[in-house]
Protein backbone atom coordinates (compact mmCIF):
# COMPACT_ATOMS: atom_id res chain seq x y z
CA MET A 1 0.18 -0.13 0.02
CA ASN A 2 3.08 2.42 0.47
CA LEU A 3 4.12 1.89 -2.69
CA MET A 4 0.51 3.02 -4.05
CA LEU A 5 0.81 6.10 -2.12
CA LEU A 6 4.39 7.08 -3.09
CA ASP A 7 2.57 7.95 -6.30
CA LEU A 8 1.46 10.86 -4.45
CA LEU A 9 5.19 12.25 -4.07
CA ARG A 10 7.14 15.08 -5.51
CA CYS A 11 10.35 16.29 -5.38
CA PRO A 12 9.36 19.74 -2.68
CA ALA A 13 12.56 21.59 -4.36
CA THR A 14 11.66 21.00 -8.18
CA GLY A 15 8.52 19.23 -8.18
CA GLU A 16 9.48 16.07 -9.96
CA LYS A 17 8.66 12.97 -9.67
CA LEU A 18 10.11 10.62 -7.05
CA SER A 19 11.93 6.93 -7.41
CA LEU A 20 13.18 4.75 -4.48
CA LYS A 21 16.49 3.92 -4.80
CA PRO A 22 17.73 1.12 -5.13
CA GLU A 23 15.35 0.59 -8.12
CA SER A 24 15.40 -2.37 -7.33
CA ALA A 25 13.59 -1.71 -3.67
CA LYS A 26 10.12 -3.26 -3.08
CA SER A 27 9.70 -0.95 0.15
CA LEU A 28 10.58 2.03 1.71
CA ASP A 29 12.36 -0.46 4.39
CA ALA A 30 14.42 -1.79 1.15
CA ALA A 31 15.37 1.09 0.07
CA LYS A 32 17.71 4.27 0.88
CA SER A 33 16.58 7.35 -0.23
CA LEU A 34 14.38 8.77 -2.73
CA VAL A 35 15.35 10.14 -5.99
CA ALA A 36 14.07 13.11 -8.33
CA SER A 37 13.43 12.12 -11.84
CA SER A 38 16.39 14.58 -12.89
CA GLY A 39 18.90 13.16 -10.24
CA ASN A 40 19.38 16.22 -8.94
CA LYS A 41 18.00 15.83 -5.62
CA GLU A 42 18.10 12.77 -3.26
CA TYR A 43 16.24 12.61 0.24
CA PRO A 44 17.11 9.94 2.78
CA ILE A 45 14.71 6.89 4.18
CA VAL A 46 16.05 6.20 7.41
CA GLU A 47 14.23 3.62 9.65
CA GLY A 48 11.80 3.32 6.46
CA ILE A 49 10.90 6.80 6.90
CA PRO A 50 11.81 9.27 4.31
CA ARG A 51 13.19 12.90 5.16
CA PHE A 52 12.93 15.54 3.80
CA VAL A 53 13.70 18.36 6.55
CA PRO A 54 17.02 18.26 9.07
CA SER A 55 17.01 15.83 11.50
CA GLN A 56 17.14 18.87 13.77
CA ASN A 57 14.68 22.41 13.99
CA TYR A 58 12.24 24.28 15.90
CA SER A 59 9.91 21.02 17.12
CA ASP A 60 12.88 18.93 18.93
CA SER A 61 10.50 19.02 21.94
CA PHE A 62 7.70 17.11 19.97
CA GLY A 63 10.34 14.67 18.80
CA VAL A 64 11.20 13.91 22.56
CA GLN A 65 7.62 14.24 23.72
CA TRP A 66 6.12 12.02 21.04
CA ASN A 67 8.93 9.22 21.19
CA LEU A 68 8.69 9.35 25.01
CA PHE A 69 4.49 8.64 25.52
CA ARG A 70 4.06 7.49 21.69
CA GLU A 71 1.40 5.15 23.10
CA THR A 72 -0.90 7.46 25.80
CA GLN A 73 -2.87 9.25 23.94
CA LEU A 74 -3.68 6.22 21.51
CA ASP A 75 -7.23 5.01 21.54
CA SER A 76 -6.05 0.95 21.23
CA ARG A 77 -3.56 1.61 23.79
CA SER A 78 -5.42 4.11 26.50
CA GLY A 79 -8.89 1.88 26.38
CA ILE A 80 -10.80 5.31 26.06
CA ASP A 81 -12.13 7.14 23.16
CA ALA A 82 -10.01 10.36 23.58
CA SER A 83 -8.91 10.51 20.31
CA ALA A 84 -11.78 9.63 18.18
CA ASP A 85 -13.81 11.61 19.79
CA ARG A 86 -11.55 14.85 19.40
CA PHE A 87 -11.46 13.16 15.73
CA TRP A 88 -14.88 13.00 14.60
CA THR A 89 -16.14 16.11 16.84
CA ALA A 90 -13.59 18.35 15.10
CA THR A 91 -13.81 17.19 11.69
CA GLY A 92 -17.52 16.58 11.01
CA TRP A 93 -17.04 13.85 8.90
CA SER A 94 -17.62 9.96 9.67
CA PRO A 95 -16.15 6.79 9.02
CA ASN A 96 -18.09 6.36 5.70
CA ASP A 97 -16.58 9.59 4.50
CA LEU A 98 -13.18 7.91 4.77
CA ARG A 99 -13.07 4.44 3.74
CA GLY A 100 -10.89 4.17 0.41
CA LYS A 101 -10.06 7.95 0.54
CA VAL A 102 -6.73 9.71 0.62
CA VAL A 103 -6.20 11.33 3.68
CA LEU A 104 -3.80 13.87 5.14
CA ASP A 105 -2.55 14.19 8.52
CA ALA A 106 -0.32 16.97 8.33
CA GLY A 107 1.29 16.95 11.53
CA CYS A 108 0.81 13.30 13.80
CA GLY A 109 2.55 13.49 16.49
CA ALA A 110 2.98 9.71 17.49
CA GLY A 111 -0.14 8.89 15.11
CA ARG A 112 -2.96 9.24 17.73
CA PHE A 113 -5.41 10.75 14.86
CA ALA A 114 -4.07 8.48 11.96
CA GLU A 115 -4.91 5.58 14.06
CA ILE A 116 -8.57 6.68 13.81
CA ALA A 117 -8.80 8.01 10.03
CA ALA A 118 -6.47 4.23 9.21
CA GLY A 119 -8.84 2.43 11.09
CA ALA A 120 -11.87 4.06 9.23
CA GLY A 121 -10.44 2.26 5.76
CA ALA A 122 -8.81 5.64 4.82
CA LEU A 123 -5.73 5.38 2.82
CA VAL A 124 -3.73 8.03 5.42
CA VAL A 125 -0.07 10.00 4.70
CA CYS A 126 1.18 10.96 7.96
CA ILE A 127 3.71 13.81 8.23
CA ASP A 128 5.11 15.59 11.09
CA PHE A 129 7.98 18.17 11.11
CA SER A 130 9.63 15.98 13.82
CA SER A 131 11.51 13.31 14.99
CA ALA A 132 7.71 12.02 16.05
CA VAL A 133 7.15 10.23 13.05
CA SER A 134 9.67 7.40 14.43
CA ALA A 135 6.94 7.02 17.09
CA THR A 136 4.30 7.46 14.76
CA LYS A 137 6.12 4.20 12.94
CA GLN A 138 6.08 1.79 15.65
CA ASN A 139 2.41 2.62 17.12
CA LEU A 140 1.10 1.82 13.11
CA ALA A 141 3.00 -0.55 12.26
CA ASP A 142 0.86 -3.15 11.23
CA GLN A 143 -1.12 -1.10 9.54
CA HIS A 144 -0.53 -1.08 5.29
CA ASN A 145 -2.63 1.82 4.47
CA VAL A 146 -0.12 4.32 6.54
CA LEU A 147 2.60 6.13 4.88
CA ILE A 148 5.22 8.25 6.91
CA LEU A 149 6.68 11.10 5.66
CA GLN A 150 8.93 13.45 7.67
CA ALA A 151 8.76 16.75 5.99
CA ASN A 152 7.18 20.63 6.44
CA ILE A 153 4.06 21.36 6.24
CA ASN A 154 5.18 24.74 4.58
CA ASN A 155 6.56 22.70 2.06
CA LEU A 156 4.85 19.78 1.27
CA PRO A 157 6.66 16.75 -0.96
CA PHE A 158 3.30 16.26 -3.02
CA ALA A 159 1.54 16.90 -6.44
CA SER A 160 -0.89 19.63 -6.41
CA GLY A 161 -4.30 18.30 -5.74
CA SER A 162 -3.26 14.90 -3.93
CA PHE A 163 -5.74 14.84 -0.87
CA ASP A 164 -9.42 14.24 -0.41
CA TYR A 165 -9.48 14.83 2.97
CA ILE A 166 -6.72 17.00 5.02
CA TYR A 167 -6.75 18.04 8.36
CA SER A 168 -4.22 19.30 11.13
CA LEU A 169 -5.30 19.38 15.02
CA GLY A 170 -3.24 20.51 17.40
CA VAL A 171 -0.13 20.97 15.19
CA LEU A 172 -0.52 25.12 13.48
CA GLN A 173 -0.29 27.10 16.41
CA HIS A 174 2.93 25.38 17.43
CA THR A 175 4.62 26.49 13.52
CA PRO A 176 6.13 30.24 12.97
CA ASP A 177 3.77 31.46 11.01
CA PRO A 178 -0.01 29.91 11.50
CA GLN A 179 -0.96 31.81 8.55
CA GLN A 180 0.92 30.61 6.26
CA SER A 181 1.10 26.65 7.38
CA PHE A 182 -2.53 26.68 6.58
CA LYS A 183 -2.50 28.77 3.29
CA SER A 184 -0.04 25.75 2.34
CA LEU A 185 -2.76 23.36 2.83
CA PRO A 186 -5.37 23.63 -0.09
CA GLU A 187 -3.61 23.21 -2.76
CA PHE A 188 -3.20 19.37 -2.10
CA LEU A 189 -6.84 18.91 -2.00
CA LYS A 190 -8.28 17.59 -4.96
CA PRO A 191 -11.51 19.30 -6.31
CA GLY A 192 -14.68 19.06 -3.58
CA GLY A 193 -11.73 18.08 -1.11
CA HIS A 194 -12.54 18.69 2.76
CA LEU A 195 -9.93 20.47 4.71
CA CYS A 196 -10.26 20.53 8.98
CA ALA A 197 -7.66 21.98 10.95
CA ASP A 198 -7.91 23.57 14.96
CA PHE A 199 -6.27 26.21 17.16
CA TYR A 200 -6.03 27.54 20.28
CA GLU A 201 -8.26 29.73 20.33
CA LYS A 202 -7.49 33.85 21.42
CA SER A 203 -9.38 35.44 23.88
CA TRP A 204 -9.12 37.04 26.91
CA ARG A 205 -10.26 33.55 28.62
CA SER A 206 -6.86 32.33 27.22
CA LEU A 207 -4.85 35.47 28.80
CA LEU A 208 -5.66 33.42 32.65
CA HIS A 209 -4.23 29.92 30.72
CA PRO A 210 -0.79 29.57 33.20
CA LYS A 211 1.22 28.24 30.53
CA TYR A 212 1.04 31.48 29.49
CA TRP A 213 2.61 33.15 32.15
CA LEU A 214 4.64 29.75 32.92
CA ARG A 215 6.19 29.95 28.95
CA HIS A 216 8.49 33.35 30.12
CA ILE A 217 10.44 31.27 32.25
CA THR A 218 10.46 27.87 30.27
CA THR A 219 10.90 28.72 26.80
CA ARG A 220 14.47 29.93 27.90
CA MET A 221 14.90 26.39 30.38
CA SER A 222 16.30 22.99 28.44
CA ASP A 223 13.55 20.16 27.48
CA LYS A 224 15.16 17.66 29.75
CA VAL A 225 15.62 20.35 32.41
CA ILE A 226 11.41 21.01 32.39
CA LEU A 227 10.77 17.07 31.98
CA ARG A 228 12.54 16.35 34.59
CA LEU A 229 10.92 19.16 36.96
CA LEU A 230 8.23 17.59 35.79
CA LYS A 231 8.53 13.97 37.20
CA VAL A 232 9.15 15.47 40.65
CA LEU A 233 6.08 18.03 40.24
CA ILE A 234 3.24 15.93 38.97
CA PRO A 235 2.86 13.74 41.55
CA ILE A 236 2.63 16.63 43.70
CA LEU A 237 0.62 18.79 42.58
CA TYR A 238 -2.03 16.60 40.43
CA PRO A 239 -3.92 15.33 43.59
CA ILE A 240 -3.98 19.32 44.61
CA GLY A 241 -5.27 19.55 41.42
CA ARG A 242 -8.36 16.64 41.81
CA LEU A 243 -8.77 18.50 45.28
CA ILE A 244 -9.61 21.97 43.64
CA THR A 245 -12.31 20.52 41.52
CA LEU A 246 -13.99 19.46 44.49
CA LEU A 247 -14.62 23.03 45.76
CA PRO A 248 -17.34 25.58 44.77
CA MET A 249 -16.41 26.79 41.05
CA GLY A 250 -14.01 24.03 41.09
CA SER A 251 -13.73 23.03 37.96
CA LYS A 252 -13.41 26.98 36.42
CA LEU A 253 -10.88 26.81 39.04
CA ARG A 254 -8.99 23.62 37.41
CA LYS A 255 -8.28 25.69 34.58
CA ILE A 256 -5.66 28.05 35.88
CA PHE A 257 -3.82 25.72 37.68
CA PRO A 258 -0.34 24.80 36.28
CA VAL A 259 -0.63 21.35 35.73
CA ALA A 260 -2.88 19.63 33.46
CA ASP A 261 -5.59 17.20 33.42
CA PRO A 262 -7.23 16.16 30.45
CA ILE A 263 -8.83 12.88 31.86
CA TYR A 264 -11.06 15.32 34.34
CA PHE A 265 -11.84 17.16 31.40
CA TYR A 266 -12.72 13.81 29.60
CA GLU A 267 -14.21 12.04 32.75
CA ARG A 268 -17.15 15.72 32.83
CA ARG A 269 -18.16 14.93 29.38
CA PHE A 270 -18.17 10.93 29.39
CA GLY A 271 -18.47 9.88 33.15
CA LYS A 272 -15.71 7.51 34.75
CA THR A 273 -13.00 5.76 33.50
CA SER A 274 -11.05 2.96 34.98
CA LEU A 275 -7.66 4.16 33.91
CA SER A 276 -5.10 4.21 36.60
CA TYR A 277 -3.92 7.01 38.93
CA LYS A 278 0.03 5.81 37.00
CA VAL A 279 -1.95 6.72 33.90
CA ARG A 280 -3.83 9.59 35.15
CA LEU A 281 -0.77 10.97 35.72
CA GLN A 282 1.43 10.21 32.31
CA TRP A 283 -1.40 12.29 30.48
CA SER A 284 -0.88 15.36 32.85
CA LEU A 285 3.36 15.32 32.70
CA LEU A 286 2.41 14.48 28.73
CA ASP A 287 -0.26 17.91 28.71
CA THR A 288 1.98 19.47 31.03
CA TYR A 289 5.12 19.17 28.83
CA ASP A 290 3.35 20.00 25.76
CA TRP A 291 2.04 23.70 27.25
CA LEU A 292 5.71 24.48 28.39
CA THR A 293 8.33 23.55 25.75
CA PRO A 294 7.29 24.02 22.38
CA SER A 295 9.49 27.04 20.32
CA HIS A 296 5.84 28.26 19.15
CA ASP A 297 2.24 28.84 21.07
CA ASN A 298 0.16 31.07 18.46
CA PRO A 299 -3.77 31.32 19.34
CA GLN A 300 -5.76 32.66 16.95
CA THR A 301 -9.03 34.30 16.95
CA ARG A 302 -11.93 33.45 14.63
CA GLN A 303 -11.78 36.38 12.41
CA ALA A 304 -8.42 35.39 11.82
CA VAL A 305 -9.41 31.96 10.68
CA SER A 306 -12.32 32.48 8.96
CA GLU A 307 -10.08 35.79 6.71
CA TRP A 308 -7.95 32.74 6.14
CA ALA A 309 -10.58 30.56 4.83
CA MET A 310 -11.61 32.78 2.87
CA ASP A 311 -8.44 34.02 1.55
CA ALA A 312 -7.74 30.34 0.59
CA ASP A 313 -10.84 30.17 -2.06
CA LEU A 314 -12.33 27.26 0.51
CA LYS A 315 -16.31 26.86 0.44
CA LYS A 316 -18.78 25.67 2.46
CA VAL A 317 -16.74 27.49 5.72
CA GLU A 318 -17.82 26.49 9.14
CA ILE A 319 -15.79 28.08 12.04
CA GLU A 320 -17.02 26.62 15.75
CA ASN A 321 -15.52 25.91 18.99
CA ALA A 322 -15.30 22.25 19.54
CA GLY A 323 -12.83 21.91 22.19
CA HIS A 324 -10.55 23.90 19.99
CA LEU A 325 -11.13 26.57 17.82
CA VAL A 326 -12.29 24.36 14.26
CA VAL A 327 -12.15 25.59 11.23
CA ARG A 328 -13.49 23.64 8.62
CA GLY A 329 -13.88 24.09 4.44
CA VAL A 330 -13.89 22.38 0.91
CA ARG A 331 -12.04 23.31 -2.23
């Protein structure tokens, strides 16, 4: 299946078709590189993953994050449907919509949403700027309808009009220029293709989020130091956060507590889960680390993303708050 999806690939520098090297290779795992038809550009294949970007870049913290917590948010491992709920709620799509369609996951992380799309029967191409693609490869190794690439969302290695559906969830606000990153996507939709992206919403409430005052400090620290500190602090602070939820207006107070607790908010929607205390701490550690370490965190307003969608000539534009600020449209 990967070789079928390889037909979509183009050299991001020249737009030429790409082929496996050596020519005798029958799979990505057996190939050493991808070569442009002119022979002037070549891209290494490492661990069976084509690499179109340098190994180190501004997204290094995400590489650390998703390789360390590669299974935490996978529904197949957690036993809860947190990823599926977010995916279907944000996109507004259904499994029947995706079955047999070619789908781009623009910023796959460890593959939590790609697992959902692939499980619905889509042919999924996953890209990420970071080394998180190694975690995705491990997590989705048994999925033959998935192709994984390390690539830049602003310089995608595909032919125009390659995809029926494109989604980018939890990603664009962490790029240097979210507007440019969003604008790079519609070109790769087929006519009538669907796009969904989400963002942290910029509002007066977002100014109260603890990460935005903590990030004045943590973005000057190394990711390894932050991780070591959080491994000490989370077990101490997490139960305090849970106690806060028992107070009057506890759920609102919990939102300004400087430790993440995604399972608490999941359970407020769906009821209690059987997750162990150890796993709850792991989710808290993951999300708190995710708050504090990215090089970029750029929340957006409804007006801004609406203008971006219109400028991209998307039709049937929908914008709503579905846990995050979501924009959908059709090419």
